[in-house]
N, C-alpha and C. Protein backbone atom coordinates (compact mmCIF):
# COMPACT_ATOMS: atom_id res chain seq x y z
N MET A 1 0.83 -1.19 0.00
CA MET A 1 0.00 0.00 0.00
C MET A 1 0.88 1.25 0.00
N LEU A 2 0.43 2.26 -0.72
CA LEU A 2 1.17 3.51 -0.80
C LEU A 2 0.66 4.48 0.26
N ILE A 3 1.56 5.24 0.86
CA ILE A 3 1.20 6.20 1.91
C ILE A 3 1.42 7.61 1.36
N ALA A 4 0.33 8.35 1.20
CA ALA A 4 0.38 9.68 0.59
C ALA A 4 1.34 10.61 1.31
N GLU A 5 1.36 10.55 2.63
CA GLU A 5 2.20 11.45 3.42
C GLU A 5 3.69 11.23 3.18
N ASN A 6 4.08 10.09 2.62
CA ASN A 6 5.48 9.79 2.35
C ASN A 6 5.95 10.27 0.97
N VAL A 7 5.04 10.80 0.17
CA VAL A 7 5.38 11.25 -1.18
C VAL A 7 5.95 12.67 -1.09
N LYS A 8 7.10 12.88 -1.72
CA LYS A 8 7.75 14.19 -1.72
C LYS A 8 6.77 15.24 -2.26
N GLY A 9 6.62 16.34 -1.53
CA GLY A 9 5.75 17.44 -1.93
C GLY A 9 4.37 17.39 -1.28
N PHE A 10 4.02 16.26 -0.66
CA PHE A 10 2.70 16.14 -0.04
C PHE A 10 2.45 17.24 0.98
N GLU A 11 3.46 17.56 1.77
CA GLU A 11 3.29 18.54 2.85
C GLU A 11 2.93 19.93 2.32
N LYS A 12 3.15 20.19 1.03
CA LYS A 12 2.84 21.50 0.44
C LYS A 12 1.43 21.57 -0.17
N LEU A 13 0.70 20.45 -0.20
CA LEU A 13 -0.58 20.42 -0.89
C LEU A 13 -1.70 21.17 -0.18
N THR A 14 -1.70 21.26 1.10
CA THR A 14 -2.72 21.91 1.93
C THR A 14 -4.15 21.49 1.52
N VAL A 15 -4.84 22.31 0.74
CA VAL A 15 -6.23 22.08 0.37
C VAL A 15 -6.42 20.78 -0.42
N ASN A 16 -5.46 20.41 -1.23
CA ASN A 16 -5.58 19.23 -2.09
C ASN A 16 -5.07 17.94 -1.46
N ALA A 17 -4.67 17.98 -0.22
CA ALA A 17 -4.09 16.79 0.42
C ALA A 17 -5.09 15.63 0.49
N ASP A 18 -6.33 15.90 0.86
CA ASP A 18 -7.32 14.83 0.96
C ASP A 18 -7.62 14.23 -0.41
N MET A 19 -7.72 15.08 -1.43
CA MET A 19 -7.94 14.57 -2.78
C MET A 19 -6.80 13.65 -3.19
N PHE A 20 -5.56 14.04 -2.89
CA PHE A 20 -4.42 13.22 -3.27
C PHE A 20 -4.44 11.88 -2.54
N ARG A 21 -4.79 11.88 -1.26
CA ARG A 21 -4.89 10.62 -0.51
C ARG A 21 -5.88 9.67 -1.18
N LYS A 22 -7.06 10.20 -1.52
CA LYS A 22 -8.10 9.38 -2.16
C LYS A 22 -7.66 8.92 -3.55
N PHE A 23 -7.06 9.83 -4.32
CA PHE A 23 -6.56 9.45 -5.65
C PHE A 23 -5.55 8.33 -5.53
N LEU A 24 -4.57 8.46 -4.63
CA LEU A 24 -3.51 7.48 -4.52
C LEU A 24 -4.07 6.10 -4.21
N ASN A 25 -5.07 6.04 -3.36
CA ASN A 25 -5.73 4.78 -3.05
C ASN A 25 -6.41 4.21 -4.30
N ASN A 26 -7.15 5.04 -5.03
CA ASN A 26 -7.82 4.59 -6.26
C ASN A 26 -6.82 4.17 -7.32
N PHE A 27 -5.76 4.95 -7.48
CA PHE A 27 -4.72 4.65 -8.46
C PHE A 27 -4.08 3.30 -8.16
N TYR A 28 -3.70 3.09 -6.93
CA TYR A 28 -3.07 1.84 -6.50
C TYR A 28 -4.01 0.65 -6.74
N ASN A 29 -5.27 0.82 -6.38
CA ASN A 29 -6.24 -0.27 -6.52
C ASN A 29 -6.63 -0.55 -7.97
N SER A 30 -6.33 0.37 -8.87
CA SER A 30 -6.66 0.15 -10.28
C SER A 30 -5.67 -0.77 -10.99
N TRP A 31 -4.57 -1.09 -10.34
CA TRP A 31 -3.54 -1.95 -10.91
C TRP A 31 -3.62 -3.36 -10.34
N GLY A 32 -3.13 -4.32 -11.10
CA GLY A 32 -3.05 -5.69 -10.62
C GLY A 32 -1.91 -5.86 -9.62
N THR A 33 -1.88 -7.01 -8.99
CA THR A 33 -0.90 -7.28 -7.94
C THR A 33 0.54 -7.12 -8.42
N GLU A 34 0.85 -7.66 -9.59
CA GLU A 34 2.23 -7.59 -10.11
C GLU A 34 2.66 -6.14 -10.33
N ALA A 35 1.80 -5.34 -10.95
CA ALA A 35 2.13 -3.93 -11.21
C ALA A 35 2.26 -3.13 -9.92
N ARG A 36 1.39 -3.40 -8.96
CA ARG A 36 1.42 -2.67 -7.69
C ARG A 36 2.79 -2.77 -7.02
N GLU A 37 3.41 -3.91 -7.14
CA GLU A 37 4.71 -4.11 -6.51
C GLU A 37 5.79 -3.23 -7.10
N THR A 38 5.58 -2.72 -8.32
CA THR A 38 6.61 -1.92 -8.99
C THR A 38 6.36 -0.42 -8.88
N ILE A 39 5.21 0.01 -8.37
CA ILE A 39 4.88 1.44 -8.29
C ILE A 39 5.70 2.10 -7.19
N LYS A 40 6.45 3.12 -7.57
CA LYS A 40 7.29 3.88 -6.64
C LYS A 40 6.99 5.37 -6.82
N PRO A 41 6.22 5.97 -5.91
CA PRO A 41 5.94 7.41 -6.02
C PRO A 41 7.23 8.23 -5.93
N ILE A 42 7.30 9.28 -6.72
CA ILE A 42 8.46 10.18 -6.69
C ILE A 42 8.07 11.50 -6.05
N SER A 43 7.03 12.16 -6.60
CA SER A 43 6.63 13.46 -6.05
C SER A 43 5.22 13.83 -6.50
N VAL A 44 4.68 14.84 -5.84
CA VAL A 44 3.39 15.41 -6.20
C VAL A 44 3.49 16.92 -6.01
N LYS A 45 2.83 17.67 -6.91
CA LYS A 45 2.80 19.12 -6.74
C LYS A 45 1.56 19.69 -7.43
N TYR A 46 1.09 20.79 -6.90
CA TYR A 46 -0.06 21.50 -7.47
C TYR A 46 0.42 22.32 -8.66
N CYS A 47 -0.34 22.27 -9.76
CA CYS A 47 0.00 23.05 -10.96
C CYS A 47 -1.23 23.82 -11.43
N ASN A 48 -0.98 24.98 -11.99
CA ASN A 48 -2.02 25.81 -12.58
C ASN A 48 -1.40 26.42 -13.82
N ASP A 49 -1.69 25.82 -14.98
CA ASP A 49 -1.10 26.29 -16.23
C ASP A 49 -2.14 26.24 -17.35
N ASN A 50 -1.68 26.22 -18.59
CA ASN A 50 -2.60 26.20 -19.73
C ASN A 50 -3.52 24.98 -19.74
N SER A 51 -3.10 23.90 -19.08
CA SER A 51 -3.91 22.69 -18.99
C SER A 51 -5.00 22.82 -17.93
N GLY A 52 -4.91 23.84 -17.09
CA GLY A 52 -5.87 24.03 -16.00
C GLY A 52 -5.21 23.78 -14.66
N LYS A 53 -6.04 23.50 -13.66
CA LYS A 53 -5.56 23.23 -12.31
C LYS A 53 -5.55 21.72 -12.09
N TYR A 54 -4.43 21.21 -11.60
CA TYR A 54 -4.30 19.77 -11.39
C TYR A 54 -3.13 19.48 -10.46
N LEU A 55 -3.07 18.26 -10.00
CA LEU A 55 -1.89 17.80 -9.27
C LEU A 55 -1.05 17.01 -10.25
N ARG A 56 0.23 17.26 -10.25
CA ARG A 56 1.16 16.48 -11.06
C ARG A 56 1.75 15.40 -10.16
N PHE A 57 1.52 14.15 -10.53
CA PHE A 57 2.00 13.02 -9.76
C PHE A 57 3.06 12.29 -10.58
N ASP A 58 4.31 12.34 -10.11
CA ASP A 58 5.42 11.64 -10.77
C ASP A 58 5.66 10.32 -10.03
N TYR A 59 5.89 9.26 -10.80
CA TYR A 59 6.11 7.95 -10.20
C TYR A 59 6.87 7.05 -11.18
N LYS A 60 7.30 5.92 -10.68
CA LYS A 60 7.91 4.90 -11.53
C LYS A 60 7.04 3.65 -11.46
N ILE A 61 6.90 3.00 -12.61
CA ILE A 61 6.21 1.72 -12.68
C ILE A 61 7.01 0.84 -13.63
N TYR A 62 7.29 -0.37 -13.22
CA TYR A 62 8.16 -1.27 -13.98
C TYR A 62 9.49 -0.60 -14.32
N GLY A 63 9.97 0.29 -13.44
CA GLY A 63 11.24 0.97 -13.62
C GLY A 63 11.20 2.15 -14.58
N LYS A 64 10.04 2.44 -15.16
CA LYS A 64 9.91 3.53 -16.12
C LYS A 64 9.26 4.74 -15.45
N LYS A 65 9.85 5.91 -15.61
CA LYS A 65 9.30 7.13 -15.01
C LYS A 65 8.10 7.61 -15.82
N GLU A 66 7.01 7.91 -15.10
CA GLU A 66 5.76 8.40 -15.70
C GLU A 66 5.25 9.56 -14.86
N TRP A 67 4.26 10.28 -15.38
CA TRP A 67 3.58 11.28 -14.56
C TRP A 67 2.15 11.43 -15.06
N LEU A 68 1.30 11.90 -14.15
CA LEU A 68 -0.13 12.03 -14.43
C LEU A 68 -0.64 13.41 -14.04
N HIS A 69 -1.67 13.87 -14.77
CA HIS A 69 -2.50 15.00 -14.35
C HIS A 69 -3.58 14.38 -13.45
N VAL A 70 -3.72 14.85 -12.23
CA VAL A 70 -4.76 14.36 -11.34
C VAL A 70 -5.73 15.50 -11.11
N THR A 71 -6.97 15.33 -11.55
CA THR A 71 -7.97 16.40 -11.44
C THR A 71 -9.03 16.12 -10.39
N SER A 72 -9.12 14.87 -9.95
CA SER A 72 -10.04 14.49 -8.87
C SER A 72 -9.59 13.13 -8.34
N PRO A 73 -10.18 12.64 -7.26
CA PRO A 73 -9.78 11.33 -6.75
C PRO A 73 -10.02 10.19 -7.75
N THR A 74 -10.93 10.42 -8.71
CA THR A 74 -11.26 9.37 -9.67
C THR A 74 -10.92 9.72 -11.12
N THR A 75 -10.28 10.87 -11.34
CA THR A 75 -9.96 11.28 -12.70
C THR A 75 -8.47 11.64 -12.81
N TRP A 76 -7.78 10.92 -13.68
CA TRP A 76 -6.38 11.21 -13.95
C TRP A 76 -6.06 10.79 -15.38
N TYR A 77 -5.07 11.43 -15.96
CA TYR A 77 -4.65 11.08 -17.33
C TYR A 77 -3.19 11.42 -17.54
């Protein structure tokens, strides 16, 4: 299981901290057992740019670095 408070940048989220906790749980549960074992969170930060307002979640899966736009606990791309 992933612990949101251990992800670099979590302490800066303030208002979005609860959303990130819920997202991380949903994200983790959306993967199968084998993939879950390879997920390594790197960082999270709030962004407000041309794409809109979102949390940027950087992580590694199967050793490959990826990142997601997180717009709600159940919506990411």
